[in-house]
N, C-alpha and C. Protein backbone atom coordinates (compact mmCIF):
# COMPACT_ATOMS: atom_id res chain seq x y z
N MET A 1 -12.50 -25.84 7.52
CA MET A 1 -13.89 -26.20 7.32
C MET A 1 -14.49 -25.60 6.10
N THR A 2 -15.25 -26.43 5.36
CA THR A 2 -15.89 -25.93 4.10
C THR A 2 -17.33 -25.55 4.34
N ASN A 3 -17.75 -24.34 3.69
CA ASN A 3 -19.04 -23.92 3.88
C ASN A 3 -19.57 -23.79 2.46
N SER A 4 -19.93 -24.89 1.80
CA SER A 4 -20.37 -24.80 0.54
C SER A 4 -21.79 -24.08 0.35
N ASN A 5 -22.46 -24.05 1.45
CA ASN A 5 -23.79 -23.33 1.26
C ASN A 5 -23.51 -21.73 1.14
N THR A 6 -22.56 -21.34 1.94
CA THR A 6 -22.10 -19.86 1.88
C THR A 6 -21.56 -19.62 0.48
N GLU A 7 -20.70 -20.44 0.14
CA GLU A 7 -20.12 -20.26 -1.27
C GLU A 7 -20.95 -20.35 -2.42
N SER A 8 -21.94 -21.21 -2.24
CA SER A 8 -22.82 -21.35 -3.49
C SER A 8 -24.13 -20.48 -3.30
N GLY A 9 -24.27 -19.77 -2.15
CA GLY A 9 -25.27 -18.95 -2.02
C GLY A 9 -24.91 -17.35 -2.41
N GLY A 10 -25.10 -16.46 -1.49
CA GLY A 10 -25.04 -14.98 -1.76
C GLY A 10 -23.53 -14.58 -1.59
N LEU A 11 -22.63 -15.36 -1.00
CA LEU A 11 -21.27 -14.85 -0.82
C LEU A 11 -20.42 -15.28 -1.97
N ARG A 12 -20.26 -14.47 -2.95
CA ARG A 12 -19.47 -14.63 -4.11
C ARG A 12 -18.73 -13.35 -4.43
N GLY A 13 -17.79 -13.54 -5.42
CA GLY A 13 -16.99 -12.40 -6.01
C GLY A 13 -16.46 -11.47 -4.84
N GLU A 14 -16.62 -10.37 -4.87
CA GLU A 14 -15.75 -9.51 -3.83
C GLU A 14 -16.02 -9.88 -2.43
N PRO A 15 -17.21 -10.16 -2.02
CA PRO A 15 -17.48 -10.55 -0.59
C PRO A 15 -16.63 -11.88 -0.29
N LEU A 16 -16.53 -12.73 -1.14
CA LEU A 16 -15.70 -13.94 -0.92
C LEU A 16 -14.36 -13.66 -0.97
N ARG A 17 -13.75 -12.72 -1.84
CA ARG A 17 -12.57 -12.37 -1.78
C ARG A 17 -12.15 -11.78 -0.51
N HIS A 18 -12.93 -10.70 0.04
CA HIS A 18 -12.76 -10.17 1.29
C HIS A 18 -12.68 -11.08 2.36
N ARG A 19 -13.50 -12.05 2.33
CA ARG A 19 -13.38 -13.14 3.37
C ARG A 19 -12.14 -13.89 3.50
N VAL A 20 -11.63 -14.08 2.30
CA VAL A 20 -10.28 -14.75 2.25
C VAL A 20 -9.08 -13.71 2.70
N LEU A 21 -9.25 -12.74 2.28
CA LEU A 21 -8.29 -11.62 2.77
C LEU A 21 -8.42 -11.31 4.29
N ASP A 22 -9.55 -11.37 4.92
CA ASP A 22 -9.73 -11.09 6.32
C ASP A 22 -9.04 -12.31 6.86
N ALA A 23 -9.21 -13.51 6.50
CA ALA A 23 -8.72 -14.78 7.15
C ALA A 23 -7.15 -14.73 7.00
N ALA A 24 -6.60 -14.19 5.91
CA ALA A 24 -5.06 -14.17 5.77
C ALA A 24 -4.62 -13.11 6.80
N GLU A 25 -5.40 -12.06 6.99
CA GLU A 25 -4.89 -10.99 7.98
C GLU A 25 -4.95 -11.69 9.40
N THR A 26 -5.93 -12.30 9.69
CA THR A 26 -6.06 -13.00 10.97
C THR A 26 -4.79 -13.94 11.24
N LEU A 27 -4.51 -14.71 10.25
CA LEU A 27 -3.32 -15.58 10.36
C LEU A 27 -2.05 -14.73 10.57
N LEU A 28 -1.86 -13.85 9.70
CA LEU A 28 -0.70 -12.87 9.92
C LEU A 28 -0.60 -12.28 11.34
N ARG A 29 -1.75 -11.83 11.74
CA ARG A 29 -1.83 -11.21 13.10
C ARG A 29 -1.39 -12.19 14.18
N ASP A 30 -1.70 -13.49 13.94
CA ASP A 30 -1.49 -14.48 15.01
C ASP A 30 0.08 -14.97 14.80
N GLY A 31 0.92 -14.27 13.85
CA GLY A 31 2.18 -14.61 13.53
C GLY A 31 2.46 -15.87 12.77
N LYS A 32 1.46 -16.10 11.91
CA LYS A 32 1.60 -17.31 11.06
C LYS A 32 1.78 -16.92 9.55
N ALA A 33 2.89 -16.12 9.43
CA ALA A 33 3.32 -15.69 8.14
C ALA A 33 3.52 -16.69 7.13
N ASP A 34 3.86 -17.98 7.64
CA ASP A 34 4.06 -19.04 6.62
C ASP A 34 2.82 -19.98 6.48
N PHE A 35 1.60 -19.35 6.59
CA PHE A 35 0.47 -20.12 6.48
C PHE A 35 0.30 -20.80 5.26
N SER A 36 -0.32 -21.94 5.19
CA SER A 36 -0.62 -22.70 3.93
C SER A 36 -1.93 -22.27 3.43
N MET A 37 -2.23 -22.58 2.11
CA MET A 37 -3.58 -22.35 1.57
C MET A 37 -4.48 -23.13 2.11
N ARG A 38 -4.23 -24.41 2.72
CA ARG A 38 -5.24 -25.21 3.38
C ARG A 38 -5.57 -24.55 4.79
N GLN A 39 -4.62 -23.95 5.47
CA GLN A 39 -4.87 -23.24 6.57
C GLN A 39 -5.70 -21.95 6.49
N LEU A 40 -5.35 -21.41 5.39
CA LEU A 40 -6.14 -20.16 5.00
C LEU A 40 -7.61 -20.53 4.67
N ALA A 41 -7.83 -21.50 3.89
CA ALA A 41 -9.19 -21.93 3.64
C ALA A 41 -9.93 -22.29 4.91
N ALA A 42 -9.27 -22.99 5.83
CA ALA A 42 -9.97 -23.41 7.10
C ALA A 42 -10.19 -22.10 8.00
N GLU A 43 -9.27 -21.23 7.99
CA GLU A 43 -9.66 -19.89 8.69
C GLU A 43 -10.76 -19.13 8.07
N ALA A 44 -10.90 -19.15 6.79
CA ALA A 44 -11.97 -18.50 6.14
C ALA A 44 -13.33 -19.23 5.98
N GLY A 45 -13.17 -20.52 6.37
CA GLY A 45 -14.41 -21.27 6.38
C GLY A 45 -14.95 -21.51 4.97
N VAL A 46 -14.04 -21.80 4.12
CA VAL A 46 -14.32 -22.01 2.63
C VAL A 46 -13.53 -23.34 2.23
N SER A 47 -13.93 -23.75 1.02
CA SER A 47 -13.40 -24.97 0.52
C SER A 47 -11.86 -24.65 0.23
N PHE A 48 -11.12 -25.75 0.14
CA PHE A 48 -9.67 -25.68 -0.01
C PHE A 48 -9.36 -24.96 -1.41
N ALA A 49 -10.30 -25.09 -2.51
CA ALA A 49 -10.02 -24.65 -3.78
C ALA A 49 -10.39 -23.13 -3.88
N THR A 50 -11.11 -22.63 -2.94
CA THR A 50 -11.60 -21.23 -2.89
C THR A 50 -10.36 -20.19 -3.01
N PRO A 51 -9.37 -20.20 -2.03
CA PRO A 51 -8.41 -19.18 -2.28
C PRO A 51 -7.63 -19.24 -3.62
N PHE A 52 -7.52 -20.46 -4.15
CA PHE A 52 -6.88 -20.72 -5.47
C PHE A 52 -7.83 -20.09 -6.62
N ASN A 53 -9.01 -20.37 -6.40
CA ASN A 53 -10.01 -19.94 -7.50
C ASN A 53 -10.11 -18.39 -7.47
N GLN A 54 -10.13 -17.85 -6.24
CA GLN A 54 -10.09 -16.33 -6.18
C GLN A 54 -8.94 -15.53 -6.44
N PHE A 55 -7.82 -16.11 -6.21
CA PHE A 55 -6.46 -15.36 -6.35
C PHE A 55 -5.55 -16.05 -7.10
N GLY A 56 -5.49 -17.29 -7.10
CA GLY A 56 -4.41 -18.08 -7.94
C GLY A 56 -3.31 -18.54 -7.18
N SER A 57 -2.74 -17.73 -6.09
CA SER A 57 -1.56 -18.10 -5.38
C SER A 57 -1.58 -17.36 -4.17
N LYS A 58 -0.60 -17.82 -3.25
CA LYS A 58 -0.44 -17.03 -1.96
C LYS A 58 0.17 -15.73 -2.11
N ALA A 59 1.04 -15.62 -3.41
CA ALA A 59 1.67 -14.31 -3.54
C ALA A 59 0.57 -13.41 -4.02
N ALA A 60 -0.31 -13.79 -4.74
CA ALA A 60 -1.46 -12.90 -5.32
C ALA A 60 -2.19 -12.37 -4.14
N ILE A 61 -2.54 -13.28 -3.20
CA ILE A 61 -3.29 -12.93 -1.86
C ILE A 61 -2.43 -11.69 -1.22
N MET A 62 -1.13 -11.94 -1.03
CA MET A 62 -0.22 -10.99 -0.42
C MET A 62 -0.27 -9.61 -1.12
N HIS A 63 -0.28 -9.70 -2.49
CA HIS A 63 -0.29 -8.45 -3.24
C HIS A 63 -1.61 -7.80 -2.99
N ALA A 64 -2.83 -8.56 -2.94
CA ALA A 64 -4.13 -7.96 -2.65
C ALA A 64 -4.15 -7.35 -1.30
N LEU A 65 -3.43 -7.89 -0.30
CA LEU A 65 -3.39 -7.27 0.99
C LEU A 65 -2.67 -5.97 0.91
N SER A 66 -1.59 -5.76 0.18
CA SER A 66 -0.91 -4.59 -0.06
C SER A 66 -1.86 -3.55 -0.81
N LYS A 67 -2.58 -3.95 -1.65
CA LYS A 67 -3.55 -2.96 -2.31
C LYS A 67 -4.53 -2.55 -1.18
N ARG A 68 -5.04 -3.52 -0.38
CA ARG A 68 -5.91 -3.00 0.58
C ARG A 68 -5.30 -2.03 1.58
N ARG A 69 -4.02 -2.15 1.92
CA ARG A 69 -3.39 -1.04 2.73
C ARG A 69 -3.33 0.23 1.92
N ILE A 70 -2.94 0.17 0.67
CA ILE A 70 -2.93 1.49 -0.07
C ILE A 70 -4.26 2.07 -0.17
N ASP A 71 -5.32 1.22 -0.40
CA ASP A 71 -6.63 1.74 -0.41
C ASP A 71 -7.08 2.44 0.94
N THR A 72 -6.64 1.91 2.00
CA THR A 72 -6.91 2.55 3.36
C THR A 72 -6.17 3.85 3.30
N MET A 73 -4.99 3.98 2.92
CA MET A 73 -4.28 5.25 2.91
C MET A 73 -4.98 6.26 2.15
N SER A 74 -5.45 5.82 0.89
CA SER A 74 -6.16 6.78 0.02
C SER A 74 -7.30 7.24 0.71
N ARG A 75 -8.07 6.33 1.27
CA ARG A 75 -9.36 6.69 1.86
C ARG A 75 -9.09 7.71 3.12
N ARG A 76 -8.10 7.41 3.92
CA ARG A 76 -7.78 8.36 5.00
C ARG A 76 -7.31 9.66 4.50
N PHE A 77 -6.54 9.69 3.41
CA PHE A 77 -6.06 11.05 2.95
C PHE A 77 -7.23 11.77 2.47
N THR A 78 -8.16 11.11 1.62
CA THR A 78 -9.31 11.81 1.19
C THR A 78 -10.19 12.35 2.23
N ALA A 79 -10.44 11.61 3.39
CA ALA A 79 -11.13 11.98 4.44
C ALA A 79 -10.48 13.26 5.23
N ALA A 80 -9.14 13.40 5.22
CA ALA A 80 -8.37 14.44 5.99
C ALA A 80 -8.53 15.73 5.26
N PRO A 81 -8.60 16.98 6.22
CA PRO A 81 -8.53 18.19 5.67
C PRO A 81 -7.18 18.44 4.99
N ALA A 82 -6.97 18.37 3.74
CA ALA A 82 -5.72 18.41 3.06
C ALA A 82 -5.36 19.85 2.66
N PRO A 83 -4.01 20.19 2.90
CA PRO A 83 -3.74 21.61 2.43
C PRO A 83 -3.65 21.69 0.87
N ARG A 84 -3.60 22.88 0.50
CA ARG A 84 -3.51 23.17 -0.98
C ARG A 84 -2.12 22.90 -1.56
N ASN A 85 -1.10 23.33 -0.82
CA ASN A 85 0.29 23.18 -1.21
C ASN A 85 0.66 21.75 -1.34
N ALA A 86 1.33 21.46 -2.71
CA ALA A 86 1.60 20.18 -2.97
C ALA A 86 2.64 19.42 -1.96
N GLN A 87 3.51 20.21 -1.58
CA GLN A 87 4.46 19.54 -0.58
C GLN A 87 3.93 19.18 0.68
N ASP A 88 3.09 20.12 1.16
CA ASP A 88 2.35 19.82 2.50
C ASP A 88 1.35 18.59 2.43
N ARG A 89 0.82 18.50 1.18
CA ARG A 89 -0.18 17.35 0.84
C ARG A 89 0.68 16.06 0.84
N ILE A 90 1.85 16.05 0.21
CA ILE A 90 2.63 14.96 0.22
C ILE A 90 3.18 14.41 1.62
N LEU A 91 3.52 15.41 2.42
CA LEU A 91 3.96 15.12 3.80
C LEU A 91 2.81 14.65 4.61
N LEU A 92 1.64 15.14 4.39
CA LEU A 92 0.40 14.65 5.08
C LEU A 92 0.23 13.12 4.65
N ALA A 93 0.27 12.97 3.31
CA ALA A 93 0.03 11.48 2.92
C ALA A 93 1.10 10.48 3.50
N ILE A 94 2.36 10.95 3.67
CA ILE A 94 3.34 10.10 4.17
C ILE A 94 3.11 9.85 5.70
N ASP A 95 2.53 10.86 6.35
CA ASP A 95 2.25 10.60 7.81
C ASP A 95 1.05 9.54 7.82
N ILE A 96 0.17 9.76 7.03
CA ILE A 96 -1.06 8.79 6.92
C ILE A 96 -0.59 7.44 6.58
N ALA A 97 0.14 7.43 5.60
CA ALA A 97 0.65 6.03 5.09
C ALA A 97 1.53 5.30 6.15
N VAL A 98 2.40 6.09 6.70
CA VAL A 98 3.18 5.42 7.88
C VAL A 98 2.33 5.02 9.09
N ALA A 99 1.30 5.73 9.40
CA ALA A 99 0.35 5.41 10.48
C ALA A 99 -0.32 4.05 10.19
N VAL A 100 -0.73 3.90 8.90
CA VAL A 100 -1.32 2.69 8.52
C VAL A 100 -0.41 1.52 8.61
N MET A 101 0.84 1.62 8.26
CA MET A 101 1.86 0.72 8.27
C MET A 101 2.24 0.20 9.71
N ILE A 102 2.29 1.18 10.64
CA ILE A 102 2.83 0.71 12.01
C ILE A 102 1.70 0.39 12.90
N GLU A 103 0.34 0.55 12.42
CA GLU A 103 -0.76 0.09 13.14
C GLU A 103 -0.68 -1.53 13.40
N GLU A 104 -0.28 -2.24 12.49
CA GLU A 104 -0.20 -3.60 12.66
C GLU A 104 1.06 -4.16 11.93
N PRO A 105 2.18 -3.96 12.62
CA PRO A 105 3.49 -4.26 12.10
C PRO A 105 3.61 -5.56 11.67
N ALA A 106 3.05 -6.60 12.34
CA ALA A 106 3.18 -7.90 12.09
C ALA A 106 2.63 -8.42 10.74
N ILE A 107 1.39 -7.84 10.47
CA ILE A 107 0.83 -8.03 9.15
C ILE A 107 1.54 -7.31 8.15
N ASN A 108 1.86 -6.09 8.33
CA ASN A 108 2.38 -5.31 7.20
C ASN A 108 3.81 -5.61 6.89
N ARG A 109 4.64 -6.07 7.87
CA ARG A 109 5.86 -6.54 7.53
C ARG A 109 5.85 -7.80 6.64
N ALA A 110 4.94 -8.71 7.09
CA ALA A 110 4.79 -9.92 6.18
C ALA A 110 4.35 -9.60 4.77
N VAL A 111 3.30 -8.73 4.72
CA VAL A 111 2.88 -8.29 3.25
C VAL A 111 3.99 -7.79 2.52
N MET A 112 4.81 -6.81 3.16
CA MET A 112 5.94 -6.10 2.38
C MET A 112 6.93 -7.14 1.86
N SER A 113 7.19 -8.22 2.81
CA SER A 113 8.13 -9.16 2.31
C SER A 113 7.74 -10.01 1.04
N TRP A 114 6.43 -9.83 0.82
CA TRP A 114 5.89 -10.61 -0.52
C TRP A 114 5.80 -9.70 -1.82
N VAL A 115 5.77 -8.42 -1.42
CA VAL A 115 5.61 -7.43 -2.50
C VAL A 115 6.65 -7.53 -3.65
N GLY A 116 7.79 -8.00 -3.29
CA GLY A 116 8.88 -8.07 -4.30
C GLY A 116 8.75 -9.28 -5.08
N THR A 117 7.89 -10.22 -4.83
CA THR A 117 7.66 -11.38 -5.48
C THR A 117 6.64 -11.28 -6.75
N ALA A 118 6.84 -12.17 -7.73
CA ALA A 118 5.80 -12.18 -8.81
C ALA A 118 4.49 -12.68 -8.27
N GLY A 119 3.32 -11.95 -8.46
CA GLY A 119 2.22 -12.39 -7.90
C GLY A 119 0.88 -12.09 -8.75
N GLY A 120 1.18 -11.36 -9.79
CA GLY A 120 0.02 -11.02 -10.61
C GLY A 120 -0.60 -9.77 -10.11
N GLY A 121 0.03 -9.04 -9.15
CA GLY A 121 -0.65 -7.78 -8.56
C GLY A 121 0.02 -6.69 -9.39
N ASP A 122 -0.40 -5.47 -9.04
CA ASP A 122 0.09 -4.21 -9.65
C ASP A 122 0.30 -3.23 -8.58
N VAL A 123 1.27 -3.56 -7.64
CA VAL A 123 1.42 -2.71 -6.39
C VAL A 123 1.89 -1.41 -6.88
N LEU A 124 2.87 -1.41 -7.71
CA LEU A 124 3.24 -0.05 -8.24
C LEU A 124 2.37 0.85 -8.76
N HIS A 125 1.33 0.44 -9.54
CA HIS A 125 0.27 1.22 -10.12
C HIS A 125 -0.59 1.82 -8.86
N HIS A 126 -0.85 0.96 -8.04
CA HIS A 126 -1.74 1.35 -6.86
C HIS A 126 -1.00 2.39 -5.99
N SER A 127 0.20 2.13 -5.86
CA SER A 127 1.01 3.05 -5.00
C SER A 127 1.15 4.55 -5.75
N THR A 128 1.38 4.40 -7.06
CA THR A 128 1.58 5.56 -7.83
C THR A 128 0.28 6.33 -7.85
N MET A 129 -0.89 5.72 -7.79
CA MET A 129 -2.14 6.47 -7.78
C MET A 129 -2.28 7.13 -6.35
N LEU A 130 -1.89 6.55 -5.38
CA LEU A 130 -2.03 7.18 -4.01
C LEU A 130 -1.18 8.46 -4.08
N TRP A 131 0.02 8.44 -4.58
CA TRP A 131 0.97 9.73 -4.66
C TRP A 131 0.50 10.64 -5.52
N SER A 132 -0.20 10.29 -6.57
CA SER A 132 -0.88 11.25 -7.60
C SER A 132 -2.05 11.92 -6.85
N LEU A 133 -2.79 11.23 -6.09
CA LEU A 133 -3.93 11.76 -5.34
C LEU A 133 -3.21 12.82 -4.32
N ALA A 134 -2.15 12.41 -3.62
CA ALA A 134 -1.59 13.39 -2.71
C ALA A 134 -1.04 14.53 -3.33
N LEU A 135 -0.35 14.42 -4.49
CA LEU A 135 0.22 15.66 -5.13
C LEU A 135 -0.81 16.57 -5.56
N GLY A 136 -2.02 16.07 -5.81
CA GLY A 136 -3.17 17.14 -6.27
C GLY A 136 -2.80 17.67 -7.66
N ASP A 137 -3.14 18.93 -7.77
CA ASP A 137 -2.84 19.62 -8.95
C ASP A 137 -1.38 20.32 -8.95
N GLY A 138 -0.61 20.20 -7.97
CA GLY A 138 0.71 20.52 -8.01
C GLY A 138 0.91 22.01 -7.53
N GLU A 139 -0.09 22.62 -6.82
CA GLU A 139 0.07 23.96 -6.44
C GLU A 139 1.21 24.05 -5.44
N GLY A 140 1.94 25.17 -5.75
CA GLY A 140 3.08 25.53 -4.89
C GLY A 140 4.49 25.01 -5.64
N LEU A 141 4.25 24.17 -6.78
CA LEU A 141 5.49 23.84 -7.47
C LEU A 141 5.81 24.86 -8.59
N ALA A 142 6.99 24.92 -8.91
CA ALA A 142 7.45 25.83 -9.95
C ALA A 142 6.57 25.71 -11.15
N PRO A 143 5.89 26.74 -11.57
CA PRO A 143 4.94 26.71 -12.82
C PRO A 143 5.50 26.07 -13.99
N ALA A 144 6.78 26.42 -14.25
CA ALA A 144 7.52 25.85 -15.46
C ALA A 144 7.69 24.38 -15.49
N ARG A 145 7.67 23.87 -14.23
CA ARG A 145 8.04 22.36 -14.21
C ARG A 145 6.86 21.60 -13.47
N ARG A 146 5.69 22.27 -13.37
CA ARG A 146 4.60 21.66 -12.66
C ARG A 146 4.11 20.27 -13.42
N GLN A 147 3.83 20.45 -14.71
CA GLN A 147 3.47 19.37 -15.45
C GLN A 147 4.42 18.27 -15.40
N ALA A 148 5.72 18.47 -15.52
CA ALA A 148 6.76 17.40 -15.42
C ALA A 148 6.63 16.80 -14.01
N ALA A 149 6.29 17.53 -13.03
CA ALA A 149 6.25 17.04 -11.68
C ALA A 149 5.07 15.99 -11.62
N LEU A 150 3.94 16.58 -12.16
CA LEU A 150 2.69 15.75 -12.05
C LEU A 150 2.85 14.50 -13.01
N ASP A 151 3.78 14.47 -13.99
CA ASP A 151 3.91 13.27 -14.73
C ASP A 151 4.81 12.31 -14.00
N ALA A 152 5.92 12.68 -13.34
CA ALA A 152 6.96 11.99 -12.88
C ALA A 152 6.99 11.71 -11.37
N LEU A 153 6.57 12.68 -10.52
CA LEU A 153 6.72 12.55 -9.14
C LEU A 153 5.88 11.46 -8.52
N PRO A 154 4.74 11.15 -9.01
CA PRO A 154 3.92 10.13 -8.33
C PRO A 154 4.76 8.71 -8.20
N ARG A 155 5.21 8.38 -9.32
CA ARG A 155 5.87 7.17 -9.43
C ARG A 155 7.27 7.09 -8.71
N GLN A 156 7.93 8.30 -8.72
CA GLN A 156 9.13 8.43 -7.91
C GLN A 156 8.91 8.46 -6.49
N LEU A 157 7.87 8.98 -6.06
CA LEU A 157 7.45 9.02 -4.61
C LEU A 157 7.09 7.51 -4.22
N ALA A 158 6.37 6.75 -5.05
CA ALA A 158 6.00 5.38 -4.78
C ALA A 158 7.38 4.60 -4.67
N PHE A 159 8.28 4.78 -5.49
CA PHE A 159 9.60 4.10 -5.30
C PHE A 159 10.26 4.68 -3.97
N ALA A 160 10.25 5.78 -3.73
CA ALA A 160 11.04 6.33 -2.50
C ALA A 160 10.29 5.78 -1.26
N PHE A 161 9.03 5.67 -1.18
CA PHE A 161 8.33 5.26 0.10
C PHE A 161 8.58 3.84 0.11
N ARG A 162 8.40 3.06 -0.92
CA ARG A 162 8.65 1.59 -0.88
C ARG A 162 10.17 1.30 -0.36
N GLY A 163 11.07 2.13 -0.86
CA GLY A 163 12.59 1.85 -0.45
C GLY A 163 12.60 2.05 1.02
N VAL A 164 12.11 3.10 1.67
CA VAL A 164 12.16 3.38 3.04
C VAL A 164 11.47 2.22 3.80
N LEU A 165 10.22 1.76 3.31
CA LEU A 165 9.46 0.62 3.86
C LEU A 165 10.31 -0.72 3.86
N SER A 166 11.13 -0.89 2.86
CA SER A 166 11.89 -2.06 2.82
C SER A 166 12.86 -2.18 3.89
N PHE A 167 13.50 -1.07 4.41
CA PHE A 167 14.36 -1.09 5.48
C PHE A 167 13.62 -1.29 6.80
N TRP A 168 12.48 -0.83 7.04
CA TRP A 168 11.58 -1.09 8.17
C TRP A 168 11.22 -2.52 8.07
N THR A 169 10.85 -3.04 6.99
CA THR A 169 10.43 -4.46 6.91
C THR A 169 11.55 -5.32 7.32
N ALA A 170 12.82 -5.01 6.96
CA ALA A 170 13.88 -5.77 7.44
C ALA A 170 14.39 -5.66 8.85
N GLY A 171 13.79 -4.72 9.46
CA GLY A 171 14.15 -4.52 10.98
C GLY A 171 15.31 -3.44 11.07
N GLU A 172 15.73 -2.83 9.97
CA GLU A 172 16.86 -1.87 10.09
C GLU A 172 16.45 -0.46 10.38
N LEU A 173 15.12 -0.24 10.31
CA LEU A 173 14.61 1.14 10.62
C LEU A 173 13.46 0.94 11.56
N ALA A 174 13.59 1.59 12.69
CA ALA A 174 12.48 1.57 13.68
C ALA A 174 11.18 2.24 13.20
N GLY A 175 10.10 1.80 13.70
CA GLY A 175 8.81 2.39 13.33
C GLY A 175 8.63 3.90 13.64
N ASP A 176 9.29 4.42 14.69
CA ASP A 176 9.30 5.85 14.98
C ASP A 176 10.24 6.72 14.17
N ALA A 177 11.00 6.03 13.36
CA ALA A 177 12.03 6.69 12.41
C ALA A 177 11.40 6.77 11.02
N LEU A 178 10.35 5.88 10.64
CA LEU A 178 9.96 5.72 9.39
C LEU A 178 9.40 6.97 8.81
N ALA A 179 8.60 7.77 9.45
CA ALA A 179 7.98 8.98 8.92
C ALA A 179 9.10 9.89 8.51
N SER A 180 10.14 10.14 9.46
CA SER A 180 11.12 11.19 9.26
C SER A 180 11.96 10.86 7.99
N HIS A 181 12.33 9.60 7.78
CA HIS A 181 13.10 9.17 6.63
C HIS A 181 12.28 9.29 5.29
N ALA A 182 11.01 8.93 5.38
CA ALA A 182 10.07 8.98 4.30
C ALA A 182 9.89 10.46 3.93
N ARG A 183 9.78 11.31 4.90
CA ARG A 183 9.60 12.74 4.55
C ARG A 183 10.97 13.31 3.94
N GLU A 184 11.96 12.96 4.51
CA GLU A 184 13.33 13.49 3.94
C GLU A 184 13.42 13.13 2.42
N ALA A 185 13.02 11.78 2.20
CA ALA A 185 13.18 11.32 0.75
C ALA A 185 12.21 12.08 -0.18
N ALA A 186 11.01 12.42 0.41
CA ALA A 186 10.09 13.20 -0.49
C ALA A 186 10.42 14.59 -0.66
N ARG A 187 11.04 15.15 0.31
CA ARG A 187 11.45 16.59 0.17
C ARG A 187 12.57 16.59 -0.81
N MET A 188 13.54 15.64 -0.81
CA MET A 188 14.58 15.57 -1.90
C MET A 188 14.02 15.56 -3.30
N LEU A 189 12.98 14.73 -3.40
CA LEU A 189 12.34 14.63 -4.79
C LEU A 189 11.57 15.98 -5.08
N LEU A 190 10.97 16.61 -4.15
CA LEU A 190 10.19 17.68 -4.53
C LEU A 190 10.98 18.89 -4.70
N SER A 191 12.23 18.95 -4.16
CA SER A 191 13.07 20.14 -4.23
C SER A 191 13.52 20.50 -5.64
N GLY A 192 13.56 19.49 -6.53
CA GLY A 192 13.85 19.82 -7.92
C GLY A 192 12.68 20.46 -8.64
N PHE A 193 11.51 20.62 -8.06
CA PHE A 193 10.37 21.16 -8.68
C PHE A 193 9.74 22.47 -7.99
N THR A 194 10.46 22.86 -6.84
CA THR A 194 9.88 24.00 -6.07
C THR A 194 10.46 25.29 -6.34
N GLY A 195 11.71 25.29 -6.89
CA GLY A 195 12.41 26.63 -7.19
C GLY A 195 12.21 27.07 -8.46
N PRO A 196 12.91 28.14 -8.74
CA PRO A 196 12.72 28.77 -10.18
C PRO A 196 13.35 27.77 -11.23
N ALA A 197 12.92 27.80 -12.39
CA ALA A 197 13.34 26.92 -13.57
C ALA A 197 14.78 27.25 -13.76
N PRO A 198 15.77 26.34 -13.88
CA PRO A 198 17.16 26.68 -14.36
C PRO A 198 17.23 27.49 -15.68
N SER A 199 18.10 28.38 -15.96
CA SER A 199 18.16 29.11 -17.11
C SER A 199 18.91 28.22 -18.19
N GLY A 200 18.71 28.44 -19.42
CA GLY A 200 19.34 27.87 -20.44
C GLY A 200 18.64 26.53 -20.58
């Protein structure tokens, strides 16, 4: 259904984009991961052209949904009482990120299956920013390697978490095992920055 009055009135820009994304989530929640752009427009109550005008492609919509999830993780982490120690902060961020992902597995598995496609998004950048926020100022890391950790770890943590999620998306990893495997991967990455600097 087309609602040209709404589109030509006050609902433009970000509100209109949110409306399209909300509709995409509704379709995914209903098990319609293969929805067409026509179905999406009808669910959102906008013209057929609107999802294309706002995003360009279905892949870009799915990338935007991924960013929405990362934004939710960041907001929840910021709102939580976070410890000072970098390792504890990272583990808290993992628990929050996992909780977001398993809240609505039908939506999130569908979104994850699109993240590896070209879609004009920048999921890696957004994910890296989340882990940079979680790492904080690196308190508790070896002082001689703290700056190296702050430079390298956020992206490596993004890679690691995405890797664990990919196995959950494929059904090879149960939801109740997601946090423990993500924590183990993070601990391995952090271990190179928590001890004394090697001599020589």
